[in-house]
Full PDB file with SEQRES, HELIX, SHEET, SSBOND, CRYST1, ORIGX, SCALE, CONECT and MASTER records, all heavy atoms in Angstrom:
SEQRES   1 A   41  ASP MET GLY TRP TYR ARG GLN ALA PRO GLY LYS GLN ARG          
SEQRES   2 A   41  ASP PHE VAL ALA SER ILE THR SER ASP GLY SER THR HIS          
SEQRES   3 A   41  TYR ALA ASP SER ALA LYS GLY ARG PHE THR VAL SER ARG          
SEQRES   4 A   41  ASP ASN                                                      
SHEET    1 AA1 3 MET A   2  ARG A   6  0                                        
SHEET    2 AA1 3 ASP A  14  ILE A  19 -1                                        
SHEET    3 AA1 3 THR A  25  TYR A  27 -1                                        
CRYST1    1.000    1.000    1.000  90.00  90.00  90.00 P 1           1          
ORIGX1      1.000000  0.000000  0.000000        0.00000                         
ORIGX2      0.000000  1.000000  0.000000        0.00000                         
ORIGX3      0.000000  0.000000  1.000000        0.00000                         
SCALE1      1.000000  0.000000  0.000000        0.00000                         
SCALE2      0.000000  1.000000  0.000000        0.00000                         
SCALE3      0.000000  0.000000  1.000000        0.00000                         
ATOM      1  N   ASP A   1      87.997  85.960 133.811  1.00  0.00           N  
ATOM      2  CA  ASP A   1      88.628  86.188 132.515  1.00  0.00           C  
ATOM      3  C   ASP A   1      88.039  87.413 131.827  1.00  0.00           C  
ATOM      4  O   ASP A   1      86.833  87.655 131.874  1.00  0.00           O  
ATOM      5  CB  ASP A   1      88.454  84.976 131.612  1.00  0.00           C  
ATOM      6  CG  ASP A   1      89.227  83.768 132.100  1.00  0.00           C  
ATOM      7  OD1 ASP A   1      89.971  83.878 133.090  1.00  0.00           O  
ATOM      8  OD2 ASP A   1      89.087  82.693 131.473  1.00  0.00           O  
ATOM      9  N   MET A   2      88.896  88.177 131.170  1.00  0.00           N  
ATOM     10  CA  MET A   2      88.479  89.290 130.335  1.00  0.00           C  
ATOM     11  C   MET A   2      89.159  89.119 128.983  1.00  0.00           C  
ATOM     12  O   MET A   2      90.292  88.636 128.912  1.00  0.00           O  
ATOM     13  CB  MET A   2      88.852  90.635 130.950  1.00  0.00           C  
ATOM     14  CG  MET A   2      88.298  90.853 132.344  1.00  0.00           C  
ATOM     15  SD  MET A   2      88.649  92.502 133.016  1.00  0.00           S  
ATOM     16  CE  MET A   2      87.415  93.482 132.139  1.00  0.00           C  
ATOM     17  N   GLY A   3      88.478  89.516 127.925  1.00  0.00           N  
ATOM     18  CA  GLY A   3      89.061  89.311 126.621  1.00  0.00           C  
ATOM     19  C   GLY A   3      88.495  90.211 125.550  1.00  0.00           C  
ATOM     20  O   GLY A   3      87.583  91.008 125.796  1.00  0.00           O  
ATOM     21  N   TRP A   4      89.064  90.055 124.354  1.00  0.00           N  
ATOM     22  CA  TRP A   4      88.683  90.834 123.194  1.00  0.00           C  
ATOM     23  C   TRP A   4      88.342  89.919 122.031  1.00  0.00           C  
ATOM     24  O   TRP A   4      89.033  88.918 121.790  1.00  0.00           O  
ATOM     25  CB  TRP A   4      89.809  91.787 122.774  1.00  0.00           C  
ATOM     26  CG  TRP A   4      90.097  92.860 123.777  1.00  0.00           C  
ATOM     27  CD1 TRP A   4      91.019  92.836 124.779  1.00  0.00           C  
ATOM     28  CD2 TRP A   4      89.449  94.129 123.866  1.00  0.00           C  
ATOM     29  NE1 TRP A   4      90.987  94.008 125.489  1.00  0.00           N  
ATOM     30  CE2 TRP A   4      90.034  94.823 124.948  1.00  0.00           C  
ATOM     31  CE3 TRP A   4      88.440  94.748 123.133  1.00  0.00           C  
ATOM     32  CZ2 TRP A   4      89.634  96.112 125.316  1.00  0.00           C  
ATOM     33  CZ3 TRP A   4      88.039  96.019 123.503  1.00  0.00           C  
ATOM     34  CH2 TRP A   4      88.640  96.681 124.577  1.00  0.00           C  
ATOM     35  N   TYR A   5      87.289  90.273 121.323  1.00  0.00           N  
ATOM     36  CA  TYR A   5      86.880  89.612 120.095  1.00  0.00           C  
ATOM     37  C   TYR A   5      86.721  90.675 119.014  1.00  0.00           C  
ATOM     38  O   TYR A   5      86.608  91.867 119.307  1.00  0.00           O  
ATOM     39  CB  TYR A   5      85.558  88.870 120.294  1.00  0.00           C  
ATOM     40  CG  TYR A   5      85.648  87.678 121.225  1.00  0.00           C  
ATOM     41  CD1 TYR A   5      85.818  87.850 122.595  1.00  0.00           C  
ATOM     42  CD2 TYR A   5      85.544  86.385 120.730  1.00  0.00           C  
ATOM     43  CE1 TYR A   5      85.902  86.762 123.450  1.00  0.00           C  
ATOM     44  CE2 TYR A   5      85.621  85.290 121.578  1.00  0.00           C  
ATOM     45  CZ  TYR A   5      85.798  85.492 122.935  1.00  0.00           C  
ATOM     46  OH  TYR A   5      85.869  84.405 123.773  1.00  0.00           O  
ATOM     47  N   ARG A   6      86.704  90.236 117.759  1.00  0.00           N  
ATOM     48  CA  ARG A   6      86.486  91.191 116.680  1.00  0.00           C  
ATOM     49  C   ARG A   6      85.613  90.566 115.604  1.00  0.00           C  
ATOM     50  O   ARG A   6      85.587  89.350 115.428  1.00  0.00           O  
ATOM     51  CB  ARG A   6      87.811  91.684 116.089  1.00  0.00           C  
ATOM     52  CG  ARG A   6      88.615  90.626 115.345  1.00  0.00           C  
ATOM     53  CD  ARG A   6      89.972  91.192 114.950  1.00  0.00           C  
ATOM     54  NE  ARG A   6      90.778  90.250 114.188  1.00  0.00           N  
ATOM     55  CZ  ARG A   6      92.036  90.458 113.840  1.00  0.00           C  
ATOM     56  NH1 ARG A   6      92.647  91.586 114.184  1.00  0.00           N  
ATOM     57  NH2 ARG A   6      92.692  89.539 113.138  1.00  0.00           N  
ATOM     58  N   GLN A   7      84.915  91.429 114.891  1.00  0.00           N  
ATOM     59  CA  GLN A   7      84.017  90.985 113.840  1.00  0.00           C  
ATOM     60  C   GLN A   7      84.108  91.940 112.658  1.00  0.00           C  
ATOM     61  O   GLN A   7      83.767  93.115 112.773  1.00  0.00           O  
ATOM     62  CB  GLN A   7      82.577  90.906 114.348  1.00  0.00           C  
ATOM     63  CG  GLN A   7      81.602  90.303 113.361  1.00  0.00           C  
ATOM     64  CD  GLN A   7      80.254  90.018 113.996  1.00  0.00           C  
ATOM     65  OE1 GLN A   7      79.928  90.559 115.049  1.00  0.00           O  
ATOM     66  NE2 GLN A   7      79.477  89.165 113.367  1.00  0.00           N  
ATOM     67  N   ALA A   8      84.579  91.425 111.528  1.00  0.00           N  
ATOM     68  CA  ALA A   8      84.645  92.189 110.295  1.00  0.00           C  
ATOM     69  C   ALA A   8      83.318  92.063 109.550  1.00  0.00           C  
ATOM     70  O   ALA A   8      82.554  91.120 109.781  1.00  0.00           O  
ATOM     71  CB  ALA A   8      85.795  91.693 109.423  1.00  0.00           C  
ATOM     72  N   PRO A   9      83.015  92.989 108.638  1.00  0.00           N  
ATOM     73  CA  PRO A   9      81.758  92.912 107.895  1.00  0.00           C  
ATOM     74  C   PRO A   9      81.592  91.574 107.190  1.00  0.00           C  
ATOM     75  O   PRO A   9      82.500  91.102 106.502  1.00  0.00           O  
ATOM     76  CB  PRO A   9      81.878  94.058 106.886  1.00  0.00           C  
ATOM     77  CG  PRO A   9      82.781  95.043 107.552  1.00  0.00           C  
ATOM     78  CD  PRO A   9      83.783  94.201 108.292  1.00  0.00           C  
ATOM     79  N   GLY A  10      80.445  90.942 107.369  1.00  0.00           N  
ATOM     80  CA  GLY A  10      80.156  89.669 106.741  1.00  0.00           C  
ATOM     81  C   GLY A  10      80.861  88.480 107.354  1.00  0.00           C  
ATOM     82  O   GLY A  10      80.764  87.372 106.806  1.00  0.00           O  
ATOM     83  N   LYS A  11      81.558  88.671 108.464  1.00  0.00           N  
ATOM     84  CA  LYS A  11      82.312  87.597 109.098  1.00  0.00           C  
ATOM     85  C   LYS A  11      81.761  87.293 110.488  1.00  0.00           C  
ATOM     86  O   LYS A  11      80.999  88.059 111.060  1.00  0.00           O  
ATOM     87  CB  LYS A  11      83.796  87.970 109.214  1.00  0.00           C  
ATOM     88  CG  LYS A  11      84.470  88.296 107.901  1.00  0.00           C  
ATOM     89  CD  LYS A  11      84.615  87.074 107.032  1.00  0.00           C  
ATOM     90  CE  LYS A  11      85.415  87.399 105.780  1.00  0.00           C  
ATOM     91  NZ  LYS A  11      85.614  86.200 104.925  1.00  0.00           N  
ATOM     92  N   GLN A  12      82.159  86.136 111.026  1.00  0.00           N  
ATOM     93  CA  GLN A  12      81.807  85.772 112.387  1.00  0.00           C  
ATOM     94  C   GLN A  12      82.667  86.550 113.382  1.00  0.00           C  
ATOM     95  O   GLN A  12      83.711  87.092 113.031  1.00  0.00           O  
ATOM     96  CB  GLN A  12      82.010  84.271 112.615  1.00  0.00           C  
ATOM     97  CG  GLN A  12      81.123  83.376 111.785  1.00  0.00           C  
ATOM     98  CD  GLN A  12      81.283  81.923 112.167  1.00  0.00           C  
ATOM     99  OE1 GLN A  12      80.431  81.369 112.865  1.00  0.00           O  
ATOM    100  NE2 GLN A  12      82.367  81.317 111.737  1.00  0.00           N  
ATOM    101  N   ARG A  13      82.211  86.580 114.613  1.00  0.00           N  
ATOM    102  CA  ARG A  13      82.980  87.195 115.676  1.00  0.00           C  
ATOM    103  C   ARG A  13      84.072  86.225 116.132  1.00  0.00           C  
ATOM    104  O   ARG A  13      83.784  85.090 116.517  1.00  0.00           O  
ATOM    105  CB  ARG A  13      82.071  87.559 116.850  1.00  0.00           C  
ATOM    106  CG  ARG A  13      82.751  88.381 117.930  1.00  0.00           C  
ATOM    107  CD  ARG A  13      81.753  88.846 118.984  1.00  0.00           C  
ATOM    108  NE  ARG A  13      80.727  89.709 118.424  1.00  0.00           N  
ATOM    109  CZ  ARG A  13      79.803  90.328 119.149  1.00  0.00           C  
ATOM    110  NH1 ARG A  13      79.783  90.182 120.467  1.00  0.00           N  
ATOM    111  NH2 ARG A  13      78.897  91.088 118.552  1.00  0.00           N  
ATOM    112  N   ASP A  14      85.326  86.663 116.077  1.00  0.00           N  
ATOM    113  CA  ASP A  14      86.467  85.810 116.366  1.00  0.00           C  
ATOM    114  C   ASP A  14      87.215  86.273 117.609  1.00  0.00           C  
ATOM    115  O   ASP A  14      87.301  87.463 117.897  1.00  0.00           O  
ATOM    116  CB  ASP A  14      87.446  85.782 115.188  1.00  0.00           C  
ATOM    117  CG  ASP A  14      86.879  85.116 113.959  1.00  0.00           C  
ATOM    118  OD1 ASP A  14      86.092  84.155 114.108  1.00  0.00           O  
ATOM    119  OD2 ASP A  14      87.225  85.537 112.841  1.00  0.00           O  
ATOM    120  N   PHE A  15      87.795  85.314 118.296  1.00  0.00           N  
ATOM    121  CA  PHE A  15      88.622  85.581 119.473  1.00  0.00           C  
ATOM    122  C   PHE A  15      89.908  86.289 119.075  1.00  0.00           C  
ATOM    123  O   PHE A  15      90.522  85.960 118.059  1.00  0.00           O  
ATOM    124  CB  PHE A  15      88.938  84.265 120.180  1.00  0.00           C  
ATOM    125  CG  PHE A  15      89.977  84.382 121.249  1.00  0.00           C  
ATOM    126  CD1 PHE A  15      89.657  84.878 122.501  1.00  0.00           C  
ATOM    127  CD2 PHE A  15      91.281  83.991 121.005  1.00  0.00           C  
ATOM    128  CE1 PHE A  15      90.607  84.981 123.494  1.00  0.00           C  
ATOM    129  CE2 PHE A  15      92.244  84.091 121.994  1.00  0.00           C  
ATOM    130  CZ  PHE A  15      91.902  84.589 123.238  1.00  0.00           C  
ATOM    131  N   VAL A  16      90.344  87.256 119.890  1.00  0.00           N  
ATOM    132  CA  VAL A  16      91.590  87.978 119.655  1.00  0.00           C  
ATOM    133  C   VAL A  16      92.585  87.730 120.793  1.00  0.00           C  
ATOM    134  O   VAL A  16      93.712  87.296 120.559  1.00  0.00           O  
ATOM    135  CB  VAL A  16      91.357  89.488 119.499  1.00  0.00           C  
ATOM    136  CG1 VAL A  16      92.688  90.219 119.322  1.00  0.00           C  
ATOM    137  CG2 VAL A  16      90.435  89.767 118.315  1.00  0.00           C  
ATOM    138  N   ALA A  17      92.185  88.022 122.030  1.00  0.00           N  
ATOM    139  CA  ALA A  17      93.088  87.893 123.169  1.00  0.00           C  
ATOM    140  C   ALA A  17      92.288  87.838 124.457  1.00  0.00           C  
ATOM    141  O   ALA A  17      91.162  88.343 124.526  1.00  0.00           O  
ATOM    142  CB  ALA A  17      94.076  89.064 123.219  1.00  0.00           C  
ATOM    143  N   SER A  18      92.869  87.237 125.491  1.00  0.00           N  
ATOM    144  CA  SER A  18      92.213  87.174 126.791  1.00  0.00           C  
ATOM    145  C   SER A  18      93.251  87.216 127.896  1.00  0.00           C  
ATOM    146  O   SER A  18      94.439  86.961 127.670  1.00  0.00           O  
ATOM    147  CB  SER A  18      91.350  85.914 126.927  1.00  0.00           C  
ATOM    148  OG  SER A  18      92.148  84.749 126.899  1.00  0.00           O  
ATOM    149  N   ILE A  19      92.782  87.512 129.102  1.00  0.00           N  
ATOM    150  CA  ILE A  19      93.660  87.576 130.265  1.00  0.00           C  
ATOM    151  C   ILE A  19      92.876  87.161 131.494  1.00  0.00           C  
ATOM    152  O   ILE A  19      91.732  87.562 131.692  1.00  0.00           O  
ATOM    153  CB  ILE A  19      94.267  88.991 130.416  1.00  0.00           C  
ATOM    154  CG1 ILE A  19      95.265  89.030 131.576  1.00  0.00           C  
ATOM    155  CG2 ILE A  19      93.176  90.047 130.569  1.00  0.00           C  
ATOM    156  CD1 ILE A  19      96.105  90.299 131.587  1.00  0.00           C  
ATOM    157  N   THR A  20      93.490  86.340 132.349  1.00  0.00           N  
ATOM    158  CA  THR A  20      92.847  85.888 133.569  1.00  0.00           C  
ATOM    159  C   THR A  20      93.014  86.916 134.671  1.00  0.00           C  
ATOM    160  O   THR A  20      93.719  87.919 134.520  1.00  0.00           O  
ATOM    161  CB  THR A  20      93.416  84.543 134.028  1.00  0.00           C  
ATOM    162  OG1 THR A  20      94.792  84.713 134.403  1.00  0.00           O  
ATOM    163  CG2 THR A  20      93.331  83.503 132.923  1.00  0.00           C  
ATOM    164  N   SER A  21      92.387  86.657 135.813  1.00  0.00           N  
ATOM    165  CA  SER A  21      92.451  87.593 136.927  1.00  0.00           C  
ATOM    166  C   SER A  21      93.859  87.736 137.489  1.00  0.00           C  
ATOM    167  O   SER A  21      94.177  88.780 138.073  1.00  0.00           O  
ATOM    168  CB  SER A  21      91.492  87.169 138.041  1.00  0.00           C  
ATOM    169  OG  SER A  21      91.801  85.876 138.517  1.00  0.00           O  
ATOM    170  N   ASP A  22      94.711  86.722 137.320  1.00  0.00           N  
ATOM    171  CA  ASP A  22      96.079  86.807 137.819  1.00  0.00           C  
ATOM    172  C   ASP A  22      97.092  87.125 136.723  1.00  0.00           C  
ATOM    173  O   ASP A  22      98.301  87.063 136.954  1.00  0.00           O  
ATOM    174  CB  ASP A  22      96.480  85.523 138.546  1.00  0.00           C  
ATOM    175  CG  ASP A  22      96.474  84.301 137.650  1.00  0.00           C  
ATOM    176  OD1 ASP A  22      96.108  84.417 136.479  1.00  0.00           O  
ATOM    177  OD2 ASP A  22      96.847  83.216 138.151  1.00  0.00           O  
ATOM    178  N   GLY A  23      96.620  87.457 135.521  1.00  0.00           N  
ATOM    179  CA  GLY A  23      97.501  87.968 134.496  1.00  0.00           C  
ATOM    180  C   GLY A  23      97.954  87.010 133.420  1.00  0.00           C  
ATOM    181  O   GLY A  23      98.761  87.400 132.557  1.00  0.00           O  
ATOM    182  N   SER A  24      97.483  85.777 133.411  1.00  0.00           N  
ATOM    183  CA  SER A  24      97.834  84.844 132.342  1.00  0.00           C  
ATOM    184  C   SER A  24      97.128  85.246 131.055  1.00  0.00           C  
ATOM    185  O   SER A  24      95.932  85.535 131.060  1.00  0.00           O  
ATOM    186  CB  SER A  24      97.456  83.421 132.721  1.00  0.00           C  
ATOM    187  OG  SER A  24      98.187  82.986 133.851  1.00  0.00           O  
ATOM    188  N   THR A  25      97.859  85.249 129.944  1.00  0.00           N  
ATOM    189  CA  THR A  25      97.314  85.734 128.675  1.00  0.00           C  
ATOM    190  C   THR A  25      97.254  84.640 127.626  1.00  0.00           C  
ATOM    191  O   THR A  25      97.988  83.644 127.678  1.00  0.00           O  
ATOM    192  CB  THR A  25      98.147  86.907 128.132  1.00  0.00           C  
ATOM    193  OG1 THR A  25      99.510  86.487 127.962  1.00  0.00           O  
ATOM    194  CG2 THR A  25      98.112  88.079 129.101  1.00  0.00           C  
ATOM    195  N   HIS A  26      96.375  84.855 126.652  1.00  0.00           N  
ATOM    196  CA  HIS A  26      96.222  83.952 125.519  1.00  0.00           C  
ATOM    197  C   HIS A  26      95.887  84.795 124.301  1.00  0.00           C  
ATOM    198  O   HIS A  26      95.106  85.740 124.391  1.00  0.00           O  
ATOM    199  CB  HIS A  26      95.116  82.929 125.789  1.00  0.00           C  
ATOM    200  CG  HIS A  26      94.920  81.953 124.682  1.00  0.00           C  
ATOM    201  ND1 HIS A  26      95.816  80.950 124.421  1.00  0.00           N  
ATOM    202  CD2 HIS A  26      93.928  81.830 123.762  1.00  0.00           C  
ATOM    203  CE1 HIS A  26      95.396  80.251 123.390  1.00  0.00           C  
ATOM    204  NE2 HIS A  26      94.242  80.771 122.976  1.00  0.00           N  
ATOM    205  N   TYR A  27      96.487  84.442 123.153  1.00  0.00           N  
ATOM    206  CA  TYR A  27      96.307  85.217 121.943  1.00  0.00           C  
ATOM    207  C   TYR A  27      95.940  84.340 120.766  1.00  0.00           C  
ATOM    208  O   TYR A  27      96.411  83.204 120.649  1.00  0.00           O  
ATOM    209  CB  TYR A  27      97.586  85.979 121.581  1.00  0.00           C  
ATOM    210  CG  TYR A  27      98.014  87.000 122.590  1.00  0.00           C  
ATOM    211  CD1 TYR A  27      98.917  86.675 123.590  1.00  0.00           C  
ATOM    212  CD2 TYR A  27      97.528  88.303 122.538  1.00  0.00           C  
ATOM    213  CE1 TYR A  27      99.324  87.619 124.525  1.00  0.00           C  
ATOM    214  CE2 TYR A  27      97.924  89.253 123.463  1.00  0.00           C  
ATOM    215  CZ  TYR A  27      98.825  88.900 124.451  1.00  0.00           C  
ATOM    216  OH  TYR A  27      99.224  89.848 125.369  1.00  0.00           O  
ATOM    217  N   ALA A  28      95.125  84.882 119.882  1.00  0.00           N  
ATOM    218  CA  ALA A  28      94.929  84.263 118.584  1.00  0.00           C  
ATOM    219  C   ALA A  28      96.224  84.366 117.783  1.00  0.00           C  
ATOM    220  O   ALA A  28      97.035  85.272 118.002  1.00  0.00           O  
ATOM    221  CB  ALA A  28      93.791  84.946 117.833  1.00  0.00           C  
ATOM    222  N   ASP A  29      96.427  83.444 116.852  1.00  0.00           N  
ATOM    223  CA  ASP A  29      97.643  83.467 116.051  1.00  0.00           C  
ATOM    224  C   ASP A  29      97.820  84.798 115.319  1.00  0.00           C  
ATOM    225  O   ASP A  29      98.940  85.296 115.174  1.00  0.00           O  
ATOM    226  CB  ASP A  29      97.635  82.323 115.040  1.00  0.00           C  
ATOM    227  CG  ASP A  29      97.853  80.970 115.682  1.00  0.00           C  
ATOM    228  OD1 ASP A  29      98.344  80.926 116.833  1.00  0.00           O  
ATOM    229  OD2 ASP A  29      97.544  79.955 115.040  1.00  0.00           O  
ATOM    230  N   SER A  30      96.731  85.386 114.873  1.00  0.00           N  
ATOM    231  CA  SER A  30      96.796  86.638 114.142  1.00  0.00           C  
ATOM    232  C   SER A  30      97.254  87.814 115.002  1.00  0.00           C  
ATOM    233  O   SER A  30      97.692  88.835 114.469  1.00  0.00           O  
ATOM    234  CB  SER A  30      95.426  86.967 113.529  1.00  0.00           C  
ATOM    235  OG  SER A  30      94.440  87.090 114.532  1.00  0.00           O  
ATOM    236  N   ALA A  31      97.154  87.665 116.331  1.00  0.00           N  
ATOM    237  CA  ALA A  31      97.502  88.746 117.244  1.00  0.00           C  
ATOM    238  C   ALA A  31      98.876  88.592 117.872  1.00  0.00           C  
ATOM    239  O   ALA A  31      99.447  89.582 118.358  1.00  0.00           O  
ATOM    240  CB  ALA A  31      96.456  88.844 118.354  1.00  0.00           C  
ATOM    241  N   LYS A  32      99.423  87.400 117.871  1.00  0.00           N  
ATOM    242  CA  LYS A  32     100.697  87.136 118.532  1.00  0.00           C  
ATOM    243  C   LYS A  32     101.815  87.997 117.952  1.00  0.00           C  
ATOM    244  O   LYS A  32     101.960  88.118 116.742  1.00  0.00           O  
ATOM    245  CB  LYS A  32     101.067  85.660 118.404  1.00  0.00           C  
ATOM    246  CG  LYS A  32     100.180  84.728 119.203  1.00  0.00           C  
ATOM    247  CD  LYS A  32     100.598  83.274 119.006  1.00  0.00           C  
ATOM    248  CE  LYS A  32      99.702  82.341 119.790  1.00  0.00           C  
ATOM    249  NZ  LYS A  32     100.059  80.922 119.562  1.00  0.00           N  
ATOM    250  N   GLY A  33     102.590  88.607 118.844  1.00  0.00           N  
ATOM    251  CA  GLY A  33     103.715  89.425 118.430  1.00  0.00           C  
ATOM    252  C   GLY A  33     103.362  90.851 118.100  1.00  0.00           C  
ATOM    253  O   GLY A  33     104.262  91.691 117.966  1.00  0.00           O  
ATOM    254  N   ARG A  34     102.080  91.167 117.959  1.00  0.00           N  
ATOM    255  CA  ARG A  34     101.654  92.522 117.621  1.00  0.00           C  
ATOM    256  C   ARG A  34     100.739  93.137 118.670  1.00  0.00           C  
ATOM    257  O   ARG A  34     100.797  94.340 118.904  1.00  0.00           O  
ATOM    258  CB  ARG A  34     100.932  92.536 116.272  1.00  0.00           C  
ATOM    259  CG  ARG A  34     101.776  92.055 115.102  1.00  0.00           C  
ATOM    260  CD  ARG A  34     101.052  92.278 113.774  1.00  0.00           C  
ATOM    261  NE  ARG A  34      99.785  91.558 113.719  1.00  0.00           N  
ATOM    262  CZ  ARG A  34      98.615  92.118 113.448  1.00  0.00           C  
ATOM    263  NH1 ARG A  34      98.542  93.423 113.193  1.00  0.00           N  
ATOM    264  NH2 ARG A  34      97.516  91.381 113.406  1.00  0.00           N  
ATOM    265  N   PHE A  35      99.891  92.319 119.278  1.00  0.00           N  
ATOM    266  CA  PHE A  35      98.921  92.808 120.258  1.00  0.00           C  
ATOM    267  C   PHE A  35      99.331  92.381 121.660  1.00  0.00           C  
ATOM    268  O   PHE A  35      99.917  91.305 121.851  1.00  0.00           O  
ATOM    269  CB  PHE A  35      97.525  92.253 119.976  1.00  0.00           C  
ATOM    270  CG  PHE A  35      96.904  92.713 118.686  1.00  0.00           C  
ATOM    271  CD1 PHE A  35      97.572  93.547 117.808  1.00  0.00           C  
ATOM    272  CD2 PHE A  35      95.622  92.295 118.362  1.00  0.00           C  
ATOM    273  CE1 PHE A  35      96.990  93.965 116.619  1.00  0.00           C  
ATOM    274  CE2 PHE A  35      95.021  92.705 117.183  1.00  0.00           C  
ATOM    275  CZ  PHE A  35      95.700  93.540 116.313  1.00  0.00           C  
ATOM    276  N   THR A  36      99.002  93.211 122.644  1.00  0.00           N  
ATOM    277  CA  THR A  36      99.261  92.900 124.040  1.00  0.00           C  
ATOM    278  C   THR A  36      98.013  93.198 124.859  1.00  0.00           C  
ATOM    279  O   THR A  36      97.505  94.318 124.831  1.00  0.00           O  
ATOM    280  CB  THR A  36     100.440  93.709 124.593  1.00  0.00           C  
ATOM    281  OG1 THR A  36     101.619  93.452 123.826  1.00  0.00           O  
ATOM    282  CG2 THR A  36     100.704  93.324 126.052  1.00  0.00           C  
ATOM    283  N   VAL A  37      97.524  92.196 125.583  1.00  0.00           N  
ATOM    284  CA  VAL A  37      96.374  92.384 126.456  1.00  0.00           C  
ATOM    285  C   VAL A  37      96.865  92.524 127.893  1.00  0.00           C  
ATOM    286  O   VAL A  37      97.795  91.820 128.312  1.00  0.00           O  
ATOM    287  CB  VAL A  37      95.365  91.224 126.317  1.00  0.00           C  
ATOM    288  CG1 VAL A  37      95.970  89.896 126.761  1.00  0.00           C  
ATOM    289  CG2 VAL A  37      94.088  91.524 127.088  1.00  0.00           C  
ATOM    290  N   SER A  38      96.283  93.438 128.632  1.00  0.00           N  
ATOM    291  CA  SER A  38      96.651  93.663 130.022  1.00  0.00           C  
ATOM    292  C   SER A  38      95.416  94.085 130.799  1.00  0.00           C  
ATOM    293  O   SER A  38      94.355  94.324 130.217  1.00  0.00           O  
ATOM    294  CB  SER A  38      97.756  94.719 130.137  1.00  0.00           C  
ATOM    295  OG  SER A  38      97.324  95.962 129.609  1.00  0.00           O  
ATOM    296  N   ARG A  39      95.548  94.172 132.120  1.00  0.00           N  
ATOM    297  CA  ARG A  39      94.403  94.574 132.937  1.00  0.00           C  
ATOM    298  C   ARG A  39      94.858  95.292 134.186  1.00  0.00           C  
ATOM    299  O   ARG A  39      95.987  95.120 134.660  1.00  0.00           O  
ATOM    300  CB  ARG A  39      93.535  93.363 133.309  1.00  0.00           C  
ATOM    301  CG  ARG A  39      94.212  92.350 134.213  1.00  0.00           C  
ATOM    302  CD  ARG A  39      93.374  91.077 134.325  1.00  0.00           C  
ATOM    303  NE  ARG A  39      92.149  91.291 135.088  1.00  0.00           N  
ATOM    304  CZ  ARG A  39      91.116  90.437 135.086  1.00  0.00           C  
ATOM    305  NH1 ARG A  39      91.171  89.333 134.338  1.00  0.00           N  
ATOM    306  NH2 ARG A  39      90.045  90.696 135.822  1.00  0.00           N  
ATOM    307  N   ASP A  40      93.964  96.098 134.716  1.00  0.00           N  
ATOM    308  CA  ASP A  40      94.159  96.791 135.975  1.00  0.00           C  
ATOM    309  C   ASP A  40      93.020  96.335 136.876  1.00  0.00           C  
ATOM    310  O   ASP A  40      91.883  96.786 136.731  1.00  0.00           O  
ATOM    311  CB  ASP A  40      94.135  98.303 135.769  1.00  0.00           C  
ATOM    312  CG  ASP A  40      94.444  99.078 137.037  1.00  0.00           C  
ATOM    313  OD1 ASP A  40      94.229  98.556 138.142  1.00  0.00           O  
ATOM    314  OD2 ASP A  40      94.910 100.236 136.921  1.00  0.00           O  
ATOM    315  N   ASN A  41      93.313  95.428 137.794  1.00  0.00           N  
ATOM    316  CA  ASN A  41      92.264  94.853 138.634  1.00  0.00           C  
ATOM    317  C   ASN A  41      91.619  95.889 139.557  1.00  0.00           C  
ATOM    318  O   ASN A  41      90.431  95.784 139.870  1.00  0.00           O  
ATOM    319  CB  ASN A  41      92.825  93.696 139.458  1.00  0.00           C  
ATOM    320  CG  ASN A  41      93.132  92.483 138.611  1.00  0.00           C  
ATOM    321  OD1 ASN A  41      92.528  92.267 137.563  1.00  0.00           O  
ATOM    322  ND2 ASN A  41      94.080  91.662 139.071  1.00  0.00           N  
TER     323      ASN A  41                                                      
MASTER        0    0    0    0    3    0    0    6  322    1    0    4          
END                                                                             
């Protein structure tokens, strides 16, 4: 699995998006419809 997290000033580090080795993706609600995670194996 590979993924992205983000941390704003004074905030915890939160999950954004992830992708498995075969391309299955998962998104935080805040990212759905706007962000796209992909990979080049």
